[in-house]
Amino acid sequence: MKLDSLNHWFSDKKSVLVALSGGVDSALVAYSAYQTLGNSAIAVTADYKTLAQEELESAKKICQEIGISHLIISYDELQNPDFVKNDQNRCFHCRSELADHLTRLAKEKNTQVIVDGTNLDDLGDYRPGIVALQNNGIRSPLVESGLTKADVRSTAKSVGLSLYDRPSNSCLASRIPWGQRVTAERLARIEMGEIFVKQMTGARQVRVRDIAGMAKIEVGSDELHLIRTVNLDDLTYKLKSIGFESVTIDETGYKPGKINVIAD
């Protein structure tokens, strides 16, 4: 059983700090850590500027379900010029900064090891952020225990975690093409834009890409029928009211990494 192998991974650890994002992967890691180590496992969520509020709320909720102690740290990655310039190493700079904060916290708490929610499938994508975490000694129990995303979801469902089928998400900066600067204004309109789209369509998997001021809306390929029932004029009006200049809908549906290209 996959959960057994994950629990076994934690069995020889004295204490762990779990980097918890609000998604199902890190939630399962936190669940296993707490089941195995009890109060010697602590979850921590970084409330930085590119974290959507719904992700933070999800992290709080799942920690309450699990029973694990939950710490929230806050900092502003928009103060990091390497991050803000938004080149193809943006995630590397972001995760390097996160690792610094986690490492300091682990020392304060006298915690033996820091872990994250990277799963086997993540290794097949371009993920410089994973490299940054690995470079800083952060471990990935799901990878080391051989769990794929499908394994994570089925295991999370079997143990009763409410977010077992929650759509995958990523930081708000991932909606901005490489080469276009990350600003607080853009992050705010992206987050509000995605709230509008979810409210008006009922879609769960939503991205509002900010391409030089144009909102490019993507929903899950199995949810395209939902966006087609919405009055585009009403949706455009709402998105323009928060700062977008124009609105388009991607008829091919959501796919990770669609805008990972350098844009002027």
C-alpha atoms as a PDB file:
ATOM      1  CA  MET A   1       0.000   0.000   0.000  1.00  0.00           C
ATOM      2  CA  LYS A   2       1.337   3.411  -0.971  1.00  0.00           C
ATOM      3  CA  LEU A   3       0.517   4.998   2.379  1.00  0.00           C
ATOM      4  CA  ASP A   4       2.534   2.320   4.152  1.00  0.00           C
ATOM      5  CA  SER A   5       5.643   3.184   2.150  1.00  0.00           C
ATOM      6  CA  LEU A   6       5.130   6.877   2.869  1.00  0.00           C
ATOM      7  CA  ASN A   7       4.635   6.261   6.577  1.00  0.00           C
ATOM      8  CA  HIS A   8       7.726   4.063   6.568  1.00  0.00           C
ATOM      9  CA  TRP A   9       9.724   6.964   5.079  1.00  0.00           C
ATOM     10  CA  PHE A  10       8.947   9.028   8.174  1.00  0.00           C
ATOM     11  CA  SER A  11       9.441   6.206  10.663  1.00  0.00           C
ATOM     12  CA  ASP A  12      13.150   6.835  11.260  1.00  0.00           C
ATOM     13  CA  LYS A  13      12.845  10.626  11.426  1.00  0.00           C
ATOM     14  CA  LYS A  14      12.817  12.404  14.773  1.00  0.00           C
ATOM     15  CA  SER A  15      11.068  15.581  13.631  1.00  0.00           C
ATOM     16  CA  VAL A  16       9.955  17.166  10.362  1.00  0.00           C
ATOM     17  CA  LEU A  17       8.876  20.497   8.963  1.00  0.00           C
ATOM     18  CA  VAL A  18       6.380  20.075   6.106  1.00  0.00           C
ATOM     19  CA  ALA A  19       6.227  22.834   3.486  1.00  0.00           C
ATOM     20  CA  LEU A  20       2.466  22.878   2.958  1.00  0.00           C
ATOM     21  CA  SER A  21       1.042  24.727  -0.050  1.00  0.00           C
ATOM     22  CA  GLY A  22      -2.683  24.066   0.230  1.00  0.00           C
ATOM     23  CA  GLY A  23      -2.708  21.360  -2.435  1.00  0.00           C
ATOM     24  CA  VAL A  24      -3.260  17.626  -2.165  1.00  0.00           C
ATOM     25  CA  ASP A  25       0.395  16.553  -2.499  1.00  0.00           C
ATOM     26  CA  SER A  26       1.788  18.391   0.505  1.00  0.00           C
ATOM     27  CA  ALA A  27      -1.439  17.641   2.399  1.00  0.00           C
ATOM     28  CA  LEU A  28      -0.821  13.904   2.094  1.00  0.00           C
ATOM     29  CA  VAL A  29       2.785  14.398   3.182  1.00  0.00           C
ATOM     30  CA  ALA A  30       1.573  16.341   6.227  1.00  0.00           C
ATOM     31  CA  TYR A  31      -1.009  13.638   6.990  1.00  0.00           C
ATOM     32  CA  SER A  32       1.570  10.858   6.876  1.00  0.00           C
ATOM     33  CA  ALA A  33       4.088  12.871   8.880  1.00  0.00           C
ATOM     34  CA  TYR A  34       1.542  13.558  11.616  1.00  0.00           C
ATOM     35  CA  GLN A  35       0.270   9.971  11.664  1.00  0.00           C
ATOM     36  CA  THR A  36       3.836   8.737  12.096  1.00  0.00           C
ATOM     37  CA  LEU A  37       5.458  11.417  14.251  1.00  0.00           C
ATOM     38  CA  GLY A  38       2.571  13.173  15.991  1.00  0.00           C
ATOM     39  CA  ASN A  39       3.513  16.560  17.413  1.00  0.00           C
ATOM     40  CA  SER A  40       7.073  16.158  16.149  1.00  0.00           C
ATOM     41  CA  ALA A  41       5.650  17.052  12.715  1.00  0.00           C
ATOM     42  CA  ILE A  42       4.899  20.706  11.967  1.00  0.00           C
ATOM     43  CA  ALA A  43       3.350  22.156   8.810  1.00  0.00           C
ATOM     44  CA  VAL A  44       4.393  25.573   7.548  1.00  0.00           C
ATOM     45  CA  THR A  45       2.822  27.689   4.819  1.00  0.00           C
ATOM     46  CA  ALA A  46       4.553  30.702   3.302  1.00  0.00           C
ATOM     47  CA  ASP A  47       2.043  33.524   2.858  1.00  0.00           C
ATOM     48  CA  TYR A  48       3.951  35.401   0.189  1.00  0.00           C
ATOM     49  CA  LYS A  49       2.658  37.848  -2.403  1.00  0.00           C
ATOM     50  CA  THR A  50       2.108  35.263  -5.142  1.00  0.00           C
ATOM     51  CA  LEU A  51       0.028  32.895  -3.002  1.00  0.00           C
ATOM     52  CA  ALA A  52      -3.692  33.120  -3.755  1.00  0.00           C
ATOM     53  CA  GLN A  53      -5.823  33.626  -0.642  1.00  0.00           C
ATOM     54  CA  GLU A  54      -7.831  30.482  -1.411  1.00  0.00           C
ATOM     55  CA  GLU A  55      -4.611  28.465  -1.229  1.00  0.00           C
ATOM     56  CA  LEU A  56      -3.868  29.831   2.228  1.00  0.00           C
ATOM     57  CA  GLU A  57      -7.405  29.045   3.373  1.00  0.00           C
ATOM     58  CA  SER A  58      -7.091  25.523   1.958  1.00  0.00           C
ATOM     59  CA  ALA A  59      -3.829  25.040   3.881  1.00  0.00           C
ATOM     60  CA  LYS A  60      -5.462  26.165   7.122  1.00  0.00           C
ATOM     61  CA  LYS A  61      -8.447  23.882   6.585  1.00  0.00           C
ATOM     62  CA  ILE A  62      -6.458  20.757   5.802  1.00  0.00           C
ATOM     63  CA  CYS A  63      -4.195  21.237   8.826  1.00  0.00           C
ATOM     64  CA  GLN A  64      -7.304  21.402  11.007  1.00  0.00           C
ATOM     65  CA  GLU A  65      -8.544  18.170   9.420  1.00  0.00           C
ATOM     66  CA  ILE A  66      -5.231  16.434   9.998  1.00  0.00           C
ATOM     67  CA  GLY A  67      -4.641  17.873  13.455  1.00  0.00           C
ATOM     68  CA  ILE A  68      -1.087  18.946  12.661  1.00  0.00           C
ATOM     69  CA  SER A  69       0.358  22.154  14.089  1.00  0.00           C
ATOM     70  CA  HIS A  70       0.370  24.867  11.418  1.00  0.00           C
ATOM     71  CA  LEU A  71       2.722  27.841  11.195  1.00  0.00           C
ATOM     72  CA  ILE A  72       2.341  30.657   8.671  1.00  0.00           C
ATOM     73  CA  ILE A  73       5.323  32.767   7.672  1.00  0.00           C
ATOM     74  CA  SER A  74       5.031  35.985   5.658  1.00  0.00           C
ATOM     75  CA  TYR A  75       7.490  37.758   3.415  1.00  0.00           C
ATOM     76  CA  ASP A  76       7.479  39.683   0.142  1.00  0.00           C
ATOM     77  CA  GLU A  77       9.277  38.052  -2.767  1.00  0.00           C
ATOM     78  CA  LEU A  78       8.529  41.159  -4.841  1.00  0.00           C
ATOM     79  CA  GLN A  79      11.485  42.707  -2.992  1.00  0.00           C
ATOM     80  CA  ASN A  80      13.731  40.220  -4.805  1.00  0.00           C
ATOM     81  CA  PRO A  81      14.838  41.744  -8.152  1.00  0.00           C
ATOM     82  CA  ASP A  82      15.851  38.331  -9.519  1.00  0.00           C
ATOM     83  CA  PHE A  83      12.296  37.110  -8.982  1.00  0.00           C
ATOM     84  CA  VAL A  84      10.520  40.227 -10.232  1.00  0.00           C
ATOM     85  CA  LYS A  85      12.339  40.290 -13.573  1.00  0.00           C
ATOM     86  CA  ASN A  86      10.579  36.981 -14.317  1.00  0.00           C
ATOM     87  CA  ASP A  87      13.019  35.080 -16.493  1.00  0.00           C
ATOM     88  CA  GLN A  88      12.989  31.307 -16.914  1.00  0.00           C
ATOM     89  CA  ASN A  89      14.689  30.960 -13.511  1.00  0.00           C
ATOM     90  CA  ARG A  90      11.898  32.761 -11.631  1.00  0.00           C
ATOM     91  CA  CYS A  91      10.845  29.608  -9.783  1.00  0.00           C
ATOM     92  CA  PHE A  92      14.457  28.889  -8.847  1.00  0.00           C
ATOM     93  CA  HIS A  93      14.792  32.303  -7.200  1.00  0.00           C
ATOM     94  CA  CYS A  94      11.410  31.949  -5.479  1.00  0.00           C
ATOM     95  CA  ARG A  95      12.127  28.516  -4.067  1.00  0.00           C
ATOM     96  CA  SER A  96      15.667  29.460  -3.034  1.00  0.00           C
ATOM     97  CA  GLU A  97      14.215  32.274  -0.945  1.00  0.00           C
ATOM     98  CA  LEU A  98      11.558  29.948   0.481  1.00  0.00           C
ATOM     99  CA  ALA A  99      14.229  27.420   1.375  1.00  0.00           C
ATOM    100  CA  ASP A 100      16.162  30.097   3.288  1.00  0.00           C
ATOM    101  CA  HIS A 101      13.083  30.917   5.372  1.00  0.00           C
ATOM    102  CA  LEU A 102      12.294  27.246   5.997  1.00  0.00           C
ATOM    103  CA  THR A 103      15.878  26.488   6.974  1.00  0.00           C
ATOM    104  CA  ARG A 104      15.896  29.306   9.518  1.00  0.00           C
ATOM    105  CA  LEU A 105      12.583  28.145  10.934  1.00  0.00           C
ATOM    106  CA  ALA A 106      13.789  24.541  11.159  1.00  0.00           C
ATOM    107  CA  LYS A 107      16.788  25.700  13.172  1.00  0.00           C
ATOM    108  CA  GLU A 108      14.539  27.711  15.496  1.00  0.00           C
ATOM    109  CA  LYS A 109      12.320  24.684  16.044  1.00  0.00           C
ATOM    110  CA  ASN A 110      15.256  22.283  16.220  1.00  0.00           C
ATOM    111  CA  THR A 111      13.681  20.228  13.424  1.00  0.00           C
ATOM    112  CA  GLN A 112      15.672  17.430  11.816  1.00  0.00           C
ATOM    113  CA  VAL A 113      14.420  17.498   8.217  1.00  0.00           C
ATOM    114  CA  ILE A 114      12.369  19.707   5.889  1.00  0.00           C
ATOM    115  CA  VAL A 115      10.057  18.042   3.354  1.00  0.00           C
ATOM    116  CA  ASP A 116       7.844  19.160   0.482  1.00  0.00           C
ATOM    117  CA  GLY A 117       5.040  17.763  -1.684  1.00  0.00           C
ATOM    118  CA  THR A 118       6.897  17.071  -4.926  1.00  0.00           C
ATOM    119  CA  ASN A 119       5.629  13.843  -6.511  1.00  0.00           C
ATOM    120  CA  LEU A 120       7.118  11.579  -9.193  1.00  0.00           C
ATOM    121  CA  ASP A 121       5.132  13.181 -12.034  1.00  0.00           C
ATOM    122  CA  ASP A 122       6.536  16.624 -11.186  1.00  0.00           C
ATOM    123  CA  LEU A 123      10.007  15.462 -12.184  1.00  0.00           C
ATOM    124  CA  GLY A 124       8.904  15.202 -15.815  1.00  0.00           C
ATOM    125  CA  ASP A 125       8.234  18.945 -16.135  1.00  0.00           C
ATOM    126  CA  TYR A 126      10.569  21.928 -16.306  1.00  0.00           C
ATOM    127  CA  ARG A 127      10.693  22.712 -12.592  1.00  0.00           C
ATOM    128  CA  PRO A 128      13.718  24.824 -11.582  1.00  0.00           C
ATOM    129  CA  GLY A 129      12.011  25.372  -8.243  1.00  0.00           C
ATOM    130  CA  ILE A 130      12.446  21.695  -7.420  1.00  0.00           C
ATOM    131  CA  VAL A 131      16.171  22.008  -8.118  1.00  0.00           C
ATOM    132  CA  ALA A 132      16.394  24.979  -5.762  1.00  0.00           C
ATOM    133  CA  LEU A 133      14.730  23.032  -2.950  1.00  0.00           C
ATOM    134  CA  GLN A 134      16.931  20.003  -3.553  1.00  0.00           C
ATOM    135  CA  ASN A 135      20.022  22.223  -3.514  1.00  0.00           C
ATOM    136  CA  ASN A 136      19.001  23.362  -0.039  1.00  0.00           C
ATOM    137  CA  GLY A 137      18.563  19.845   1.316  1.00  0.00           C
ATOM    138  CA  ILE A 138      14.786  19.752   1.277  1.00  0.00           C
ATOM    139  CA  ARG A 139      13.512  16.205   0.841  1.00  0.00           C
ATOM    140  CA  SER A 140      10.563  14.909  -1.198  1.00  0.00           C
ATOM    141  CA  PRO A 141       8.999  11.876   0.541  1.00  0.00           C
ATOM    142  CA  LEU A 142       6.475  11.280  -2.265  1.00  0.00           C
ATOM    143  CA  VAL A 143       9.280  10.967  -4.812  1.00  0.00           C
ATOM    144  CA  GLU A 144      11.434   8.838  -2.543  1.00  0.00           C
ATOM    145  CA  SER A 145       8.449   6.591  -1.774  1.00  0.00           C
ATOM    146  CA  GLY A 146       7.494   6.263  -5.460  1.00  0.00           C
ATOM    147  CA  LEU A 147       4.131   8.060  -5.440  1.00  0.00           C
ATOM    148  CA  THR A 148       2.664   9.598  -8.598  1.00  0.00           C
ATOM    149  CA  LYS A 149      -0.092  12.230  -8.675  1.00  0.00           C
ATOM    150  CA  ALA A 150      -2.682   9.487  -9.189  1.00  0.00           C
ATOM    151  CA  ASP A 151      -1.294   7.631  -6.181  1.00  0.00           C
ATOM    152  CA  VAL A 152      -1.506  10.790  -4.102  1.00  0.00           C
ATOM    153  CA  ARG A 153      -5.131  11.462  -5.021  1.00  0.00           C
ATOM    154  CA  SER A 154      -6.300   7.880  -4.438  1.00  0.00           C
ATOM    155  CA  THR A 155      -4.451   7.659  -1.119  1.00  0.00           C
ATOM    156  CA  ALA A 156      -5.753  11.043   0.019  1.00  0.00           C
ATOM    157  CA  LYS A 157      -9.277   9.894  -0.819  1.00  0.00           C
ATOM    158  CA  SER A 158      -8.832   6.623   1.043  1.00  0.00           C
ATOM    159  CA  VAL A 159      -7.796   8.396   4.253  1.00  0.00           C
ATOM    160  CA  GLY A 160     -10.608  10.934   3.988  1.00  0.00           C
ATOM    161  CA  LEU A 161      -8.782  14.148   3.101  1.00  0.00           C
ATOM    162  CA  SER A 162     -11.390  16.558   1.738  1.00  0.00           C
ATOM    163  CA  LEU A 163      -9.124  18.010  -0.943  1.00  0.00           C
ATOM    164  CA  TYR A 164      -8.280  14.694  -2.600  1.00  0.00           C
ATOM    165  CA  ASP A 165      -9.736  15.896  -5.930  1.00  0.00           C
ATOM    166  CA  ARG A 166      -8.800  19.567  -5.618  1.00  0.00           C
ATOM    167  CA  PRO A 167      -7.422  20.876  -8.937  1.00  0.00           C
ATOM    168  CA  SER A 168      -3.691  21.502  -9.046  1.00  0.00           C
ATOM    169  CA  ASN A 169      -2.647  25.107  -8.646  1.00  0.00           C
ATOM    170  CA  SER A 170       0.514  27.148  -8.875  1.00  0.00           C
ATOM    171  CA  CYS A 171       1.646  30.570  -7.756  1.00  0.00           C
ATOM    172  CA  LEU A 172      -0.031  33.604  -9.310  1.00  0.00           C
ATOM    173  CA  ALA A 173       3.225  34.665 -10.988  1.00  0.00           C
ATOM    174  CA  SER A 174       2.969  31.596 -13.238  1.00  0.00           C
ATOM    175  CA  ARG A 175       0.160  33.418 -15.072  1.00  0.00           C
ATOM    176  CA  ILE A 176       2.629  36.041 -16.333  1.00  0.00           C
ATOM    177  CA  PRO A 177       4.823  35.144 -19.361  1.00  0.00           C
ATOM    178  CA  TRP A 178       8.558  35.028 -18.821  1.00  0.00           C
ATOM    179  CA  GLY A 179      10.135  38.381 -19.557  1.00  0.00           C
ATOM    180  CA  GLN A 180       7.157  40.442 -18.327  1.00  0.00           C
ATOM    181  CA  ARG A 181       7.716  41.870 -14.856  1.00  0.00           C
ATOM    182  CA  VAL A 182       5.860  40.545 -11.847  1.00  0.00           C
ATOM    183  CA  THR A 183       4.097  43.389 -10.023  1.00  0.00           C
ATOM    184  CA  ALA A 184       1.672  43.576  -7.118  1.00  0.00           C
ATOM    185  CA  GLU A 185      -0.917  45.156  -9.425  1.00  0.00           C
ATOM    186  CA  ARG A 186      -0.777  42.277 -11.906  1.00  0.00           C
ATOM    187  CA  LEU A 187      -0.943  39.649  -9.176  1.00  0.00           C
ATOM    188  CA  ALA A 188      -4.005  41.317  -7.647  1.00  0.00           C
ATOM    189  CA  ARG A 189      -5.948  41.467 -10.903  1.00  0.00           C
ATOM    190  CA  ILE A 190      -5.016  37.882 -11.772  1.00  0.00           C
ATOM    191  CA  GLU A 191      -6.299  36.630  -8.414  1.00  0.00           C
ATOM    192  CA  MET A 192      -9.506  38.677  -8.612  1.00  0.00           C
ATOM    193  CA  GLY A 193      -9.977  37.697 -12.261  1.00  0.00           C
ATOM    194  CA  GLU A 194      -9.835  34.000 -11.410  1.00  0.00           C
ATOM    195  CA  ILE A 195     -12.371  34.516  -8.631  1.00  0.00           C
ATOM    196  CA  PHE A 196     -14.707  36.213 -11.128  1.00  0.00           C
ATOM    197  CA  VAL A 197     -14.350  33.397 -13.675  1.00  0.00           C
ATOM    198  CA  LYS A 198     -14.980  30.710 -11.057  1.00  0.00           C
ATOM    199  CA  GLN A 199     -18.024  32.540  -9.735  1.00  0.00           C
ATOM    200  CA  MET A 200     -19.532  33.113 -13.188  1.00  0.00           C
ATOM    201  CA  THR A 201     -18.807  29.686 -14.682  1.00  0.00           C
ATOM    202  CA  GLY A 202     -18.608  27.215 -11.809  1.00  0.00           C
ATOM    203  CA  ALA A 203     -15.340  25.914 -13.266  1.00  0.00           C
ATOM    204  CA  ARG A 204     -12.801  24.556 -10.772  1.00  0.00           C
ATOM    205  CA  GLN A 205      -9.618  24.579 -12.871  1.00  0.00           C
ATOM    206  CA  VAL A 206      -9.119  28.218 -13.889  1.00  0.00           C
ATOM    207  CA  ARG A 207      -6.191  30.319 -15.055  1.00  0.00           C
ATOM    208  CA  VAL A 208      -6.348  33.976 -16.015  1.00  0.00           C
ATOM    209  CA  ARG A 209      -3.090  34.638 -17.843  1.00  0.00           C
ATOM    210  CA  ASP A 210      -1.944  38.267 -17.822  1.00  0.00           C
ATOM    211  CA  ILE A 211      -0.256  38.774 -21.189  1.00  0.00           C
ATOM    212  CA  ALA A 212       0.827  42.417 -21.326  1.00  0.00           C
ATOM    213  CA  GLY A 213      -2.537  43.468 -19.922  1.00  0.00           C
ATOM    214  CA  MET A 214      -4.667  41.015 -21.924  1.00  0.00           C
ATOM    215  CA  ALA A 215      -6.589  38.451 -19.876  1.00  0.00           C
ATOM    216  CA  LYS A 216      -6.355  35.019 -21.479  1.00  0.00           C
ATOM    217  CA  ILE A 217      -8.798  32.692 -19.746  1.00  0.00           C
ATOM    218  CA  GLU A 218      -8.169  28.962 -19.512  1.00  0.00           C
ATOM    219  CA  VAL A 219     -10.459  26.443 -17.841  1.00  0.00           C
ATOM    220  CA  GLY A 220     -10.101  22.686 -17.581  1.00  0.00           C
ATOM    221  CA  SER A 221     -10.634  20.926 -20.908  1.00  0.00           C
ATOM    222  CA  ASP A 222     -13.556  19.034 -19.343  1.00  0.00           C
ATOM    223  CA  GLU A 223     -15.089  22.350 -18.244  1.00  0.00           C
ATOM    224  CA  LEU A 224     -15.036  24.246 -21.542  1.00  0.00           C
ATOM    225  CA  HIS A 225     -18.799  23.890 -21.827  1.00  0.00           C
ATOM    226  CA  LEU A 226     -19.128  26.004 -18.670  1.00  0.00           C
ATOM    227  CA  ILE A 227     -17.259  28.995 -20.092  1.00  0.00           C
ATOM    228  CA  ARG A 228     -19.289  28.811 -23.305  1.00  0.00           C
ATOM    229  CA  THR A 229     -22.513  29.409 -21.407  1.00  0.00           C
ATOM    230  CA  VAL A 230     -21.292  32.704 -19.923  1.00  0.00           C
ATOM    231  CA  ASN A 231     -22.101  36.099 -21.414  1.00  0.00           C
ATOM    232  CA  LEU A 232     -18.669  37.154 -22.670  1.00  0.00           C
ATOM    233  CA  ASP A 233     -19.603  40.840 -22.562  1.00  0.00           C
ATOM    234  CA  ASP A 234     -20.397  40.579 -18.845  1.00  0.00           C
ATOM    235  CA  LEU A 235     -17.199  38.713 -18.125  1.00  0.00           C
ATOM    236  CA  THR A 236     -15.149  41.183 -20.176  1.00  0.00           C
ATOM    237  CA  TYR A 237     -16.723  44.096 -18.306  1.00  0.00           C
ATOM    238  CA  LYS A 238     -15.789  42.575 -14.952  1.00  0.00           C
ATOM    239  CA  LEU A 239     -12.205  41.856 -15.965  1.00  0.00           C
ATOM    240  CA  LYS A 240     -11.729  45.304 -17.480  1.00  0.00           C
ATOM    241  CA  SER A 241     -13.040  46.826 -14.248  1.00  0.00           C
ATOM    242  CA  ILE A 242     -10.029  45.412 -12.392  1.00  0.00           C
ATOM    243  CA  GLY A 243      -7.429  46.584 -14.909  1.00  0.00           C
ATOM    244  CA  PHE A 244      -7.321  44.192 -17.854  1.00  0.00           C
ATOM    245  CA  GLU A 245      -7.352  45.845 -21.273  1.00  0.00           C
ATOM    246  CA  SER A 246      -8.925  42.986 -23.250  1.00  0.00           C
ATOM    247  CA  VAL A 247     -10.177  39.436 -22.744  1.00  0.00           C
ATOM    248  CA  THR A 248      -9.827  36.238 -24.764  1.00  0.00           C
ATOM    249  CA  ILE A 249     -10.802  32.646 -24.046  1.00  0.00           C
ATOM    250  CA  ASP A 250      -8.473  29.768 -24.857  1.00  0.00           C
ATOM    251  CA  GLU A 251     -10.750  27.296 -26.629  1.00  0.00           C
ATOM    252  CA  THR A 252      -8.232  24.465 -26.211  1.00  0.00           C
ATOM    253  CA  GLY A 253      -8.500  24.485 -22.426  1.00  0.00           C
ATOM    254  CA  TYR A 254      -6.011  24.604 -19.600  1.00  0.00           C
ATOM    255  CA  LYS A 255      -2.575  23.088 -19.987  1.00  0.00           C
ATOM    256  CA  PRO A 256       0.342  23.687 -17.580  1.00  0.00           C
ATOM    257  CA  GLY A 257       3.229  25.781 -18.840  1.00  0.00           C
ATOM    258  CA  LYS A 258       1.498  27.230 -21.900  1.00  0.00           C
ATOM    259  CA  ILE A 259       3.152  30.626 -21.494  1.00  0.00           C
ATOM    260  CA  ASN A 260       6.625  29.491 -20.466  1.00  0.00           C
ATOM    261  CA  VAL A 261       8.237  31.529 -23.212  1.00  0.00           C
ATOM    262  CA  ILE A 262      10.150  34.764 -23.122  1.00  0.00           C
ATOM    263  CA  ALA A 263       7.852  37.674 -23.890  1.00  0.00           C
ATOM    264  CA  ASP A 264       8.808  41.305 -24.377  1.00  0.00           C
END
